[in-house]
C-alpha atoms as a PDB file:
ATOM      1  CA  MET A   1      26.368 -63.275-107.399  1.00  0.00           C
ATOM      2  CA  TRP A   2      23.347 -62.080-109.320  1.00  0.00           C
ATOM      3  CA  ALA A   3      22.407 -60.025-106.266  1.00  0.00           C
ATOM      4  CA  MET A   4      25.861 -58.457-106.170  1.00  0.00           C
ATOM      5  CA  LEU A   5      25.637 -57.537-109.858  1.00  0.00           C
ATOM      6  CA  GLU A   6      22.179 -56.104-109.269  1.00  0.00           C
ATOM      7  CA  GLY A   7      23.542 -54.039-106.312  1.00  0.00           C
ATOM      8  CA  ASN A   8      26.462 -52.749-108.381  1.00  0.00           C
ATOM      9  CA  ARG A   9      24.053 -51.865-111.175  1.00  0.00           C
ATOM     10  CA  VAL A  10      21.877 -49.866-108.761  1.00  0.00           C
ATOM     11  CA  SER A  11      24.940 -48.094-107.378  1.00  0.00           C
ATOM     12  CA  ARG A  12      26.135 -47.183-110.823  1.00  0.00           C
ATOM     13  CA  ILE A  13      22.670 -45.965-111.776  1.00  0.00           C
ATOM     14  CA  SER A  14      22.535 -43.829-108.600  1.00  0.00           C
ATOM     15  CA  VAL A  15      25.922 -42.372-109.299  1.00  0.00           C
ATOM     16  CA  ARG A  16      25.013 -41.769-112.910  1.00  0.00           C
ATOM     17  CA  GLY A  17      21.846 -39.928-111.817  1.00  0.00           C
ATOM     18  CA  PHE A  18      23.831 -37.785-109.415  1.00  0.00           C
ATOM     19  CA  ALA A  19      26.432 -37.166-112.101  1.00  0.00           C
ATOM     20  CA  VAL A  20      23.791 -36.224-114.674  1.00  0.00           C
ATOM     21  CA  ALA A  21      22.260 -33.709-112.248  1.00  0.00           C
ATOM     22  CA  SER A  22      25.653 -32.228-111.472  1.00  0.00           C
ATOM     23  CA  ALA A  23      26.683 -32.160-115.094  1.00  0.00           C
ATOM     24  CA  THR A  24      23.416 -30.464-116.082  1.00  0.00           C
ATOM     25  CA  ALA A  25      24.101 -27.669-113.609  1.00  0.00           C
ATOM     26  CA  VAL A  26      27.683 -27.341-114.839  1.00  0.00           C
ATOM     27  CA  THR A  27      26.511 -27.317-118.443  1.00  0.00           C
ATOM     28  CA  THR A  28      23.925 -24.610-117.767  1.00  0.00           C
ATOM     29  CA  VAL A  29      26.441 -22.366-116.019  1.00  0.00           C
ATOM     30  CA  GLY A  30      28.989 -22.986-118.752  1.00  0.00           C
ATOM     31  CA  ALA A  31      26.486 -22.139-121.449  1.00  0.00           C
ATOM     32  CA  VAL A  32      25.609 -18.847-119.790  1.00  0.00           C
ATOM     33  CA  VAL A  33      29.254 -17.969-119.306  1.00  0.00           C
ATOM     34  CA  GLY A  34      30.076 -18.875-122.903  1.00  0.00           C
ATOM     35  CA  VAL A  35      27.319 -16.744-124.366  1.00  0.00           C
ATOM     36  CA  ALA A  36      28.164 -13.842-122.061  1.00  0.00           C
ATOM     37  CA  ALA A  37      31.790 -14.059-123.192  1.00  0.00           C
ATOM     38  CA  GLY A  38      30.783 -14.085-126.869  1.00  0.00           C
ATOM     39  CA  ASN A  39      31.881 -17.666-127.418  1.00  0.00           C
ATOM     40  CA  PRO A  40      29.171 -19.587-129.281  1.00  0.00           C
ATOM     41  CA  GLN A  41      31.205 -22.759-129.024  1.00  0.00           C
ATOM     42  CA  ALA A  42      30.966 -22.767-125.238  1.00  0.00           C
ATOM     43  CA  PRO A  43      27.723 -24.785-125.002  1.00  0.00           C
ATOM     44  CA  GLN A  44      29.003 -27.538-127.373  1.00  0.00           C
ATOM     45  CA  ASP A  45      32.293 -27.704-125.448  1.00  0.00           C
ATOM     46  CA  ASN A  46      30.481 -27.946-122.201  1.00  0.00           C
ATOM     47  CA  PHE A  47      28.263 -30.746-123.521  1.00  0.00           C
ATOM     48  CA  GLU A  48      31.343 -32.631-124.534  1.00  0.00           C
ATOM     49  CA  ALA A  49      32.897 -32.073-121.135  1.00  0.00           C
ATOM     50  CA  THR A  50      29.691 -33.260-119.527  1.00  0.00           C
ATOM     51  CA  GLY A  51      29.790 -36.521-121.414  1.00  0.00           C
ATOM     52  CA  ALA A  52      33.292 -37.123-120.187  1.00  0.00           C
ATOM     53  CA  ASP A  53      32.308 -36.245-116.647  1.00  0.00           C
ATOM     54  CA  LEU A  54      29.419 -38.684-116.782  1.00  0.00           C
ATOM     55  CA  THR A  55      31.773 -41.452-117.834  1.00  0.00           C
ATOM     56  CA  LEU A  56      34.177 -40.598-115.002  1.00  0.00           C
ATOM     57  CA  LEU A  57      31.449 -40.383-112.326  1.00  0.00           C
ATOM     58  CA  ALA A  58      29.935 -43.644-113.486  1.00  0.00           C
ATOM     59  CA  ASP A  59      33.241 -45.313-112.902  1.00  0.00           C
ATOM     60  CA  ILE A  60      33.659 -43.984-109.317  1.00  0.00           C
ATOM     61  CA  PRO A  61      33.665 -46.830-106.750  1.00  0.00           C
ATOM     62  CA  ALA A  62      30.734 -47.098-104.314  1.00  0.00           C
ATOM     63  CA  GLY A  63      32.766 -45.804-101.313  1.00  0.00           C
ATOM     64  CA  GLU A  64      33.795 -42.670-103.130  1.00  0.00           C
ATOM     65  CA  GLN A  65      30.208 -42.165-104.266  1.00  0.00           C
ATOM     66  CA  ALA A  66      29.233 -41.904-100.610  1.00  0.00           C
ATOM     67  CA  GLN A  67      31.975 -39.328-100.048  1.00  0.00           C
ATOM     68  CA  VAL A  68      30.637 -37.257-102.941  1.00  0.00           C
ATOM     69  CA  GLN A  69      27.128 -37.390-101.493  1.00  0.00           C
ATOM     70  CA  VAL A  70      28.407 -36.446 -98.008  1.00  0.00           C
ATOM     71  CA  ALA A  71      30.353 -33.510 -99.447  1.00  0.00           C
ATOM     72  CA  SER A  72      27.172 -32.290-101.160  1.00  0.00           C
ATOM     73  CA  LEU A  73      25.219 -32.508 -97.916  1.00  0.00           C
ATOM     74  CA  GLN A  74      27.978 -30.626 -96.089  1.00  0.00           C
ATOM     75  CA  GLN A  75      27.829 -27.833 -98.651  1.00  0.00           C
ATOM     76  CA  GLN A  76      24.064 -27.602 -98.191  1.00  0.00           C
ATOM     77  CA  ALA A  77      24.470 -27.504 -94.398  1.00  0.00           C
ATOM     78  CA  GLU A  78      27.113 -24.774 -94.680  1.00  0.00           C
ATOM     79  CA  ALA A  79      24.828 -22.733 -96.947  1.00  0.00           C
ATOM     80  CA  GLN A  80      21.969 -23.090 -94.465  1.00  0.00           C
ATOM     81  CA  ALA A  81      24.256 -22.131 -91.566  1.00  0.00           C
ATOM     82  CA  ILE A  82      25.406 -19.012 -93.443  1.00  0.00           C
ATOM     83  CA  ALA A  83      21.797 -18.046 -94.150  1.00  0.00           C
ATOM     84  CA  ALA A  84      20.815 -18.613 -90.502  1.00  0.00           C
ATOM     85  CA  HIS A  85      23.785 -16.540 -89.307  1.00  0.00           C
ATOM     86  CA  SER A  86      22.849 -13.729 -91.665  1.00  0.00           C
ATOM     87  CA  ALA A  87      19.236 -13.759 -90.437  1.00  0.00           C
ATOM     88  CA  ALA A  88      20.382 -13.786 -86.812  1.00  0.00           C
ATOM     89  CA  GLN A  89      22.763 -10.900 -87.487  1.00  0.00           C
ATOM     90  CA  LYS A  90      19.944  -8.882 -89.070  1.00  0.00           C
ATOM     91  CA  GLN A  91      17.728  -9.603 -86.086  1.00  0.00           C
ATOM     92  CA  VAL A  92      20.457  -8.437 -83.697  1.00  0.00           C
ATOM     93  CA  GLU A  93      20.966  -5.251 -85.717  1.00  0.00           C
ATOM     94  CA  GLU A  94      17.207  -4.551 -85.786  1.00  0.00           C
ATOM     95  CA  SER A  95      16.954  -5.121 -82.036  1.00  0.00           C
ATOM     96  CA  ALA A  96      19.873  -2.745 -81.494  1.00  0.00           C
ATOM     97  CA  ARG A  97      18.222  -0.121 -83.706  1.00  0.00           C
ATOM     98  CA  LEU A  98      14.920  -0.363 -81.826  1.00  0.00           C
ATOM     99  CA  GLN A  99      16.695  -0.143 -78.468  1.00  0.00           C
ATOM    100  CA  ALA A 100      18.657   2.899 -79.626  1.00  0.00           C
ATOM    101  CA  ALA A 101      15.399   4.563 -80.713  1.00  0.00           C
ATOM    102  CA  LYS A 102      13.822   3.824 -77.320  1.00  0.00           C
ATOM    103  CA  ASP A 103      16.889   5.170 -75.501  1.00  0.00           C
ATOM    104  CA  ALA A 104      16.829   8.341 -77.600  1.00  0.00           C
ATOM    105  CA  GLU A 105      13.124   8.848 -76.909  1.00  0.00           C
ATOM    106  CA  ALA A 106      13.612   8.331 -73.172  1.00  0.00           C
ATOM    107  CA  LYS A 107      16.554  10.744 -73.180  1.00  0.00           C
ATOM    108  CA  LYS A 108      14.496  13.381 -74.988  1.00  0.00           C
ATOM    109  CA  ALA A 109      11.585  12.949 -72.555  1.00  0.00           C
ATOM    110  CA  ALA A 110      13.963  13.370 -69.601  1.00  0.00           C
ATOM    111  CA  ALA A 111      15.468  16.496 -71.177  1.00  0.00           C
ATOM    112  CA  ASP A 112      12.000  17.960 -71.813  1.00  0.00           C
ATOM    113  CA  GLU A 113      10.950  17.254 -68.231  1.00  0.00           C
ATOM    114  CA  LYS A 114      14.102  18.895 -66.889  1.00  0.00           C
ATOM    115  CA  ALA A 115      13.575  21.944 -69.111  1.00  0.00           C
ATOM    116  CA  GLU A 116       9.972  22.261 -67.881  1.00  0.00           C
ATOM    117  CA  GLU A 117      11.102  22.067 -64.254  1.00  0.00           C
ATOM    118  CA  GLU A 118      13.743  24.727 -64.877  1.00  0.00           C
ATOM    119  CA  ARG A 119      11.139  26.960 -66.546  1.00  0.00           C
ATOM    120  CA  LYS A 120       8.804  26.645 -63.556  1.00  0.00           C
ATOM    121  CA  GLU A 121      11.675  27.393 -61.180  1.00  0.00           C
ATOM    122  CA  ARG A 122      12.558  30.529 -63.158  1.00  0.00           C
ATOM    123  CA  GLU A 123       8.943  31.691 -63.153  1.00  0.00           C
ATOM    124  CA  GLU A 124       8.668  31.082 -59.406  1.00  0.00           C
ATOM    125  CA  ALA A 125      11.903  32.977 -58.785  1.00  0.00           C
ATOM    126  CA  GLU A 126      10.691  35.864 -60.943  1.00  0.00           C
ATOM    127  CA  ARG A 127       7.351  35.915 -59.125  1.00  0.00           C
ATOM    128  CA  LYS A 128       9.030  36.037 -55.720  1.00  0.00           C
ATOM    129  CA  ALA A 129      11.406  38.761 -56.919  1.00  0.00           C
ATOM    130  CA  GLU A 130       8.447  40.805 -58.171  1.00  0.00           C
ATOM    131  CA  GLU A 131       6.598  40.380 -54.874  1.00  0.00           C
ATOM    132  CA  LYS A 132       9.702  41.431 -52.985  1.00  0.00           C
ATOM    133  CA  ARG A 133      10.136  44.477 -55.203  1.00  0.00           C
ATOM    134  CA  GLU A 134       6.514  45.511 -54.729  1.00  0.00           C
ATOM    135  CA  ALA A 135       6.765  45.027 -50.966  1.00  0.00           C
ATOM    136  CA  GLU A 136       9.893  47.180 -50.844  1.00  0.00           C
ATOM    137  CA  GLN A 137       8.186  49.866 -52.906  1.00  0.00           C
ATOM    138  CA  GLU A 138       5.184  49.731 -50.586  1.00  0.00           C
ATOM    139  CA  ARG A 139       7.389  50.098 -47.530  1.00  0.00           C
ATOM    140  CA  ALA A 140       9.272  52.959 -49.131  1.00  0.00           C
ATOM    141  CA  SER A 141       6.015  54.626 -50.090  1.00  0.00           C
ATOM    142  CA  ARG A 142       4.603  54.263 -46.592  1.00  0.00           C
ATOM    143  CA  SER A 143       7.740  55.625 -45.006  1.00  0.00           C
ATOM    144  CA  SER A 144       7.619  58.671 -47.244  1.00  0.00           C
ATOM    145  CA  VAL A 145       3.990  59.657 -46.467  1.00  0.00           C
ATOM    146  CA  ARG A 146       3.229  62.503 -44.126  1.00  0.00           C
ATOM    147  CA  ASP A 147       1.125  62.316 -40.990  1.00  0.00           C
ATOM    148  CA  ALA A 148      -2.024  64.419 -40.627  1.00  0.00           C
ATOM    149  CA  THR A 149      -0.440  66.501 -37.894  1.00  0.00           C
ATOM    150  CA  SER A 150       2.253  67.726 -40.278  1.00  0.00           C
ATOM    151  CA  PHE A 151      -0.243  69.876 -42.173  1.00  0.00           C
ATOM    152  CA  ALA A 152      -1.133  73.337 -40.860  1.00  0.00           C
ATOM    153  CA  ALA A 153      -4.837  73.761 -40.221  1.00  0.00           C
ATOM    154  CA  GLN A 154      -6.790  76.052 -42.547  1.00  0.00           C
ATOM    155  CA  SER A 155     -10.206  77.599 -42.344  1.00  0.00           C
ATOM    156  CA  SER A 156     -11.201  76.008 -45.654  1.00  0.00           C
ATOM    157  CA  TYR A 157      -9.744  73.771 -48.400  1.00  0.00           C
ATOM    158  CA  SER A 158     -10.276  73.542 -52.120  1.00  0.00           C
ATOM    159  CA  VAL A 159     -10.659  70.179 -53.842  1.00  0.00           C
ATOM    160  CA  ALA A 160      -7.159  70.533 -55.287  1.00  0.00           C
ATOM    161  CA  GLU A 161      -5.710  71.221 -51.843  1.00  0.00           C
ATOM    162  CA  VAL A 162      -7.470  68.212 -50.339  1.00  0.00           C
ATOM    163  CA  GLN A 163      -6.212  65.990 -53.134  1.00  0.00           C
ATOM    164  CA  ALA A 164      -2.673  67.324 -52.646  1.00  0.00           C
ATOM    165  CA  ILE A 165      -2.832  66.410 -48.959  1.00  0.00           C
ATOM    166  CA  ALA A 166      -4.110  62.934 -49.818  1.00  0.00           C
ATOM    167  CA  ARG A 167      -1.237  62.377 -52.267  1.00  0.00           C
ATOM    168  CA  GLN A 168       1.216  63.079 -49.466  1.00  0.00           C
ATOM    169  CA  MET A 169      -0.536  60.819 -46.971  1.00  0.00           C
ATOM    170  CA  VAL A 170      -1.605  57.825 -49.084  1.00  0.00           C
ATOM    171  CA  PRO A 171       1.094  55.483 -50.511  1.00  0.00           C
ATOM    172  CA  ALA A 172       1.596  56.154 -54.216  1.00  0.00           C
ATOM    173  CA  ALA A 173       0.697  52.582 -55.230  1.00  0.00           C
ATOM    174  CA  GLN A 174      -2.641  52.899 -53.365  1.00  0.00           C
ATOM    175  CA  PHE A 175      -3.588  56.465 -54.169  1.00  0.00           C
ATOM    176  CA  GLN A 176      -5.684  55.779 -57.276  1.00  0.00           C
ATOM    177  CA  CYS A 177      -7.824  53.239 -55.418  1.00  0.00           C
ATOM    178  CA  PHE A 178      -8.255  55.646 -52.508  1.00  0.00           C
ATOM    179  CA  SER A 179      -9.143  58.424 -54.937  1.00  0.00           C
ATOM    180  CA  ASN A 180     -11.750  56.237 -56.711  1.00  0.00           C
ATOM    181  CA  ILE A 181     -13.569  55.623 -53.415  1.00  0.00           C
ATOM    182  CA  VAL A 182     -13.515  59.290 -52.394  1.00  0.00           C
ATOM    183  CA  ASP A 183     -14.741  60.297 -55.860  1.00  0.00           C
ATOM    184  CA  HIS A 184     -17.810  58.104 -55.424  1.00  0.00           C
ATOM    185  CA  GLU A 185     -18.421  58.827 -51.728  1.00  0.00           C
ATOM    186  CA  SER A 186     -17.981  62.611 -51.503  1.00  0.00           C
ATOM    187  CA  SER A 187     -16.469  64.031 -54.702  1.00  0.00           C
ATOM    188  CA  TRP A 188     -13.587  65.253 -52.485  1.00  0.00           C
ATOM    189  CA  ASN A 189     -15.863  67.455 -50.357  1.00  0.00           C
ATOM    190  CA  TYR A 190     -14.567  67.124 -46.806  1.00  0.00           C
ATOM    191  CA  ARG A 191     -17.853  68.603 -45.462  1.00  0.00           C
ATOM    192  CA  ALA A 192     -20.132  66.277 -47.442  1.00  0.00           C
ATOM    193  CA  THR A 193     -23.084  64.993 -45.383  1.00  0.00           C
ATOM    194  CA  ASN A 194     -25.576  62.245 -46.214  1.00  0.00           C
ATOM    195  CA  PRO A 195     -28.939  63.614 -45.107  1.00  0.00           C
ATOM    196  CA  SER A 196     -30.441  60.145 -44.757  1.00  0.00           C
ATOM    197  CA  SER A 197     -27.760  58.237 -42.844  1.00  0.00           C
ATOM    198  CA  GLY A 198     -25.663  61.013 -41.397  1.00  0.00           C
ATOM    199  CA  ALA A 199     -22.450  59.718 -43.004  1.00  0.00           C
ATOM    200  CA  TYR A 200     -19.910  62.479 -43.131  1.00  0.00           C
ATOM    201  CA  GLY A 201     -16.683  63.664 -44.731  1.00  0.00           C
ATOM    202  CA  LEU A 202     -14.419  62.532 -47.563  1.00  0.00           C
ATOM    203  CA  VAL A 203     -14.868  58.827 -46.863  1.00  0.00           C
ATOM    204  CA  GLN A 204     -18.444  59.104 -45.490  1.00  0.00           C
ATOM    205  CA  ALA A 205     -17.754  57.658 -42.060  1.00  0.00           C
ATOM    206  CA  LEU A 206     -20.853  56.246 -40.329  1.00  0.00           C
ATOM    207  CA  PRO A 207     -21.361  57.278 -37.682  1.00  0.00           C
ATOM    208  CA  ALA A 208     -19.282  60.359 -38.374  1.00  0.00           C
ATOM    209  CA  SER A 209     -18.017  60.515 -34.804  1.00  0.00           C
ATOM    210  CA  LYS A 210     -15.827  57.446 -35.437  1.00  0.00           C
ATOM    211  CA  MET A 211     -13.313  59.770 -37.082  1.00  0.00           C
ATOM    212  CA  SER A 212     -12.584  61.333 -33.704  1.00  0.00           C
ATOM    213  CA  THR A 213     -10.112  58.494 -33.094  1.00  0.00           C
ATOM    214  CA  ALA A 214      -7.882  60.184 -35.695  1.00  0.00           C
ATOM    215  CA  GLY A 215      -8.188  63.699 -34.274  1.00  0.00           C
ATOM    216  CA  ALA A 216     -10.543  66.071 -32.559  1.00  0.00           C
ATOM    217  CA  ASP A 217     -10.714  68.284 -35.645  1.00  0.00           C
ATOM    218  CA  TRP A 218     -12.242  65.539 -37.823  1.00  0.00           C
ATOM    219  CA  GLN A 219     -15.157  67.776 -38.877  1.00  0.00           C
ATOM    220  CA  THR A 220     -12.977  70.564 -40.377  1.00  0.00           C
ATOM    221  CA  ASN A 221      -9.610  69.013 -41.204  1.00  0.00           C
ATOM    222  CA  PRO A 222      -9.428  66.868 -44.354  1.00  0.00           C
ATOM    223  CA  ALA A 223      -6.038  65.512 -43.255  1.00  0.00           C
ATOM    224  CA  THR A 224      -7.671  63.992 -40.163  1.00  0.00           C
ATOM    225  CA  GLN A 225     -10.427  62.451 -42.310  1.00  0.00           C
ATOM    226  CA  ILE A 226      -7.847  61.050 -44.741  1.00  0.00           C
ATOM    227  CA  LYS A 227      -5.883  59.545 -41.851  1.00  0.00           C
ATOM    228  CA  TRP A 228      -8.973  57.838 -40.455  1.00  0.00           C
ATOM    229  CA  GLY A 229     -10.169  56.629 -43.852  1.00  0.00           C
ATOM    230  CA  LEU A 230      -6.749  55.191 -44.750  1.00  0.00           C
ATOM    231  CA  ASN A 231      -6.522  53.319 -41.423  1.00  0.00           C
ATOM    232  CA  TYR A 232     -10.057  51.964 -41.888  1.00  0.00           C
ATOM    233  CA  MET A 233      -9.316  50.642 -45.403  1.00  0.00           C
ATOM    234  CA  ASN A 234      -6.035  49.037 -44.296  1.00  0.00           C
ATOM    235  CA  GLU A 235      -7.546  47.351 -41.243  1.00  0.00           C
ATOM    236  CA  ARG A 236     -10.725  46.074 -42.882  1.00  0.00           C
ATOM    237  CA  TYR A 237      -9.628  45.364 -46.468  1.00  0.00           C
ATOM    238  CA  GLY A 238      -5.844  45.237 -46.291  1.00  0.00           C
ATOM    239  CA  SER A 239      -5.365  48.359 -48.409  1.00  0.00           C
ATOM    240  CA  PRO A 240      -7.285  51.046 -50.297  1.00  0.00           C
ATOM    241  CA  CYS A 241      -7.138  48.826 -53.403  1.00  0.00           C
ATOM    242  CA  GLY A 242      -8.704  45.985 -51.417  1.00  0.00           C
ATOM    243  CA  ALA A 243     -11.446  48.385 -50.308  1.00  0.00           C
ATOM    244  CA  TRP A 244     -11.943  49.569 -53.895  1.00  0.00           C
ATOM    245  CA  SER A 245     -12.348  45.982 -55.148  1.00  0.00           C
ATOM    246  CA  PHE A 246     -15.026  45.409 -52.508  1.00  0.00           C
ATOM    247  CA  TRP A 247     -16.720  48.699 -53.377  1.00  0.00           C
ATOM    248  CA  GLN A 248     -16.896  47.777 -57.056  1.00  0.00           C
ATOM    249  CA  ALA A 249     -18.672  44.532 -56.202  1.00  0.00           C
ATOM    250  CA  ASN A 250     -21.052  46.018 -53.603  1.00  0.00           C
ATOM    251  CA  HIS A 251     -21.123  49.795 -54.114  1.00  0.00           C
ATOM    252  CA  TRP A 252     -20.314  50.319 -50.485  1.00  0.00           C
ATOM    253  CA  TYR A 253     -17.400  49.445 -48.214  1.00  0.00           C
END
């Protein structure tokens, strides 16, 4: 019996301790609310209510005490679950944000790569179109030039007359290069002779007799010399401009 009384005393003390802790929290909250509401009596009232609560809790049977403790633990568990859910939700949102940023970056990189490919395709198309245009102009220029035999032979030719013949025989796109070579080789003198080597004519053919393949009058007809010189530049260098590039590097061709 003494043990039973001692057990009941411990239970009542435990309940009283739990009640005091609960009442203290209630009192504190009540005091704050009372002051905030402008009611200076609130703390005293709350203290009075706390005393009554302590008396009531002390009188709660042991079984109901356990229920009160279980309810408190359940509230704590619910609070922890809410906090865990909130943290998990934040983690999910952060993961979604990072994934969206990665997707946006990948999409931008793909768009940039596609734009670069399209730019290269446009440049390639423009380059091919330009090459085609130049080739067509070259063909048109070649088809419009006159052959050496279309010029009437003269006893002599001025520099201006020789240049006029060359303009009609050499494609327009190649004339300046052809002219540069002739300027350096003979200064447009169709009878120019190199006393050392024997090179002869506008383009200084060596030996001079090679120009006979263009016509028997190679010594006196600048048109025949121009015809031979143009064929030589095309066959050996691809064009007069190709020959002029070689001449600039070597000072001969």
